[in-house]
């Protein structure tokens, strides 16, 4: 009887180690962000960052021109 229980337990253990792979997870498209009370502030922040990039590029160009002119 013990041997029979051992074989049943062994078969159950081997059955749990099957090589069947789980199906790949489904990729969902990202959902658009919900509107919040901060949308206007975030847009203003993005606009300010864009303006800062323009100012930095102009400053770099002015510094290069000044350096090239020998000043």
C-alpha atoms as a PDB file:
ATOM      1  CA  UNK A   1       0.000   0.000   0.000  1.00  0.00           C
ATOM      2  CA  UNK A   2       2.835   2.383   0.799  1.00  0.00           C
ATOM      3  CA  UNK A   3       4.407   1.756  -2.570  1.00  0.00           C
ATOM      4  CA  UNK A   4       1.115   2.553  -4.294  1.00  0.00           C
ATOM      5  CA  UNK A   5       0.867   5.879  -2.420  1.00  0.00           C
ATOM      6  CA  UNK A   6       4.511   6.602  -3.282  1.00  0.00           C
ATOM      7  CA  UNK A   7       3.858   6.067  -6.997  1.00  0.00           C
ATOM      8  CA  UNK A   8       0.742   8.229  -6.898  1.00  0.00           C
ATOM      9  CA  UNK A   9       2.679  11.010  -5.146  1.00  0.00           C
ATOM     10  CA  UNK A  10       5.549  10.688  -7.643  1.00  0.00           C
ATOM     11  CA  UNK A  11       3.158  10.822 -10.585  1.00  0.00           C
ATOM     12  CA  UNK A  12       1.480  13.918  -9.143  1.00  0.00           C
ATOM     13  CA  UNK A  13       4.857  15.588  -8.594  1.00  0.00           C
ATOM     14  CA  UNK A  14       6.004  14.830 -12.134  1.00  0.00           C
ATOM     15  CA  UNK A  15       2.691  15.970 -13.517  1.00  0.00           C
ATOM     16  CA  UNK A  16       3.148  19.333 -11.810  1.00  0.00           C
ATOM     17  CA  UNK A  17       6.473  19.749 -13.610  1.00  0.00           C
ATOM     18  CA  UNK A  18       5.016  19.551 -17.087  1.00  0.00           C
ATOM     19  CA  UNK A  19       6.776  21.361 -19.914  1.00  0.00           C
ATOM     20  CA  UNK A  20       3.665  23.111 -21.192  1.00  0.00           C
ATOM     21  CA  UNK A  21       4.396  26.805 -21.394  1.00  0.00           C
ATOM     22  CA  UNK A  22       1.891  29.323 -20.197  1.00  0.00           C
ATOM     23  CA  UNK A  23       0.353  31.458 -22.931  1.00  0.00           C
ATOM     24  CA  UNK A  24       2.141  34.786 -23.399  1.00  0.00           C
ATOM     25  CA  UNK A  25       0.471  37.716 -21.680  1.00  0.00           C
ATOM     26  CA  UNK A  26      -1.682  39.840 -23.914  1.00  0.00           C
ATOM     27  CA  UNK A  27      -0.276  43.264 -24.589  1.00  0.00           C
ATOM     28  CA  UNK A  28      -2.824  45.990 -24.131  1.00  0.00           C
ATOM     29  CA  UNK A  29      -2.585  49.332 -25.830  1.00  0.00           C
ATOM     30  CA  UNK A  30      -1.862  52.136 -23.382  1.00  0.00           C
ATOM     31  CA  UNK A  31      -4.935  54.060 -22.468  1.00  0.00           C
ATOM     32  CA  UNK A  32      -4.897  57.821 -22.866  1.00  0.00           C
ATOM     33  CA  UNK A  33      -4.374  59.693 -19.649  1.00  0.00           C
ATOM     34  CA  UNK A  34      -7.518  60.883 -17.979  1.00  0.00           C
ATOM     35  CA  UNK A  35      -8.013  64.617 -17.736  1.00  0.00           C
ATOM     36  CA  UNK A  36      -7.035  66.025 -14.387  1.00  0.00           C
ATOM     37  CA  UNK A  37      -7.102  69.419 -12.742  1.00  0.00           C
ATOM     38  CA  UNK A  38      -3.366  69.678 -13.381  1.00  0.00           C
ATOM     39  CA  UNK A  39      -3.532  69.480 -17.195  1.00  0.00           C
ATOM     40  CA  UNK A  40      -3.251  73.231 -17.698  1.00  0.00           C
ATOM     41  CA  UNK A  41      -0.282  73.442 -15.330  1.00  0.00           C
ATOM     42  CA  UNK A  42       1.439  70.530 -17.040  1.00  0.00           C
ATOM     43  CA  UNK A  43       0.966  72.123 -20.456  1.00  0.00           C
ATOM     44  CA  UNK A  44       2.390  75.387 -19.114  1.00  0.00           C
ATOM     45  CA  UNK A  45       5.374  73.510 -17.681  1.00  0.00           C
ATOM     46  CA  UNK A  46       6.011  71.765 -21.008  1.00  0.00           C
ATOM     47  CA  UNK A  47       5.815  75.092 -22.810  1.00  0.00           C
ATOM     48  CA  UNK A  48       8.256  76.659 -20.332  1.00  0.00           C
ATOM     49  CA  UNK A  49      10.700  73.779 -20.850  1.00  0.00           C
ATOM     50  CA  UNK A  50      10.514  74.272 -24.614  1.00  0.00           C
ATOM     51  CA  UNK A  51      11.183  77.991 -24.228  1.00  0.00           C
ATOM     52  CA  UNK A  52      14.124  77.254 -21.931  1.00  0.00           C
ATOM     53  CA  UNK A  53      15.605  74.961 -24.590  1.00  0.00           C
ATOM     54  CA  UNK A  54      15.373  77.777 -27.156  1.00  0.00           C
ATOM     55  CA  UNK A  55      16.990  80.238 -24.754  1.00  0.00           C
ATOM     56  CA  UNK A  56      19.801  77.774 -23.967  1.00  0.00           C
ATOM     57  CA  UNK A  57      20.501  77.270 -27.679  1.00  0.00           C
ATOM     58  CA  UNK A  58      20.558  81.032 -28.279  1.00  0.00           C
ATOM     59  CA  UNK A  59      22.893  81.500 -25.309  1.00  0.00           C
ATOM     60  CA  UNK A  60      25.233  78.794 -26.601  1.00  0.00           C
ATOM     61  CA  UNK A  61      25.259  80.393 -30.066  1.00  0.00           C
ATOM     62  CA  UNK A  62      25.998  83.822 -28.593  1.00  0.00           C
ATOM     63  CA  UNK A  63      28.827  82.384 -26.452  1.00  0.00           C
ATOM     64  CA  UNK A  64      30.314  80.629 -29.488  1.00  0.00           C
ATOM     65  CA  UNK A  65      30.130  83.784 -31.567  1.00  0.00           C
ATOM     66  CA  UNK A  66      31.760  85.804 -28.790  1.00  0.00           C
ATOM     67  CA  UNK A  67      34.521  83.234 -28.433  1.00  0.00           C
ATOM     68  CA  UNK A  68      35.085  83.080 -32.200  1.00  0.00           C
ATOM     69  CA  UNK A  69      35.325  86.864 -32.385  1.00  0.00           C
ATOM     70  CA  UNK A  70      38.085  86.811 -29.786  1.00  0.00           C
ATOM     71  CA  UNK A  71      36.151  88.350 -26.909  1.00  0.00           C
END
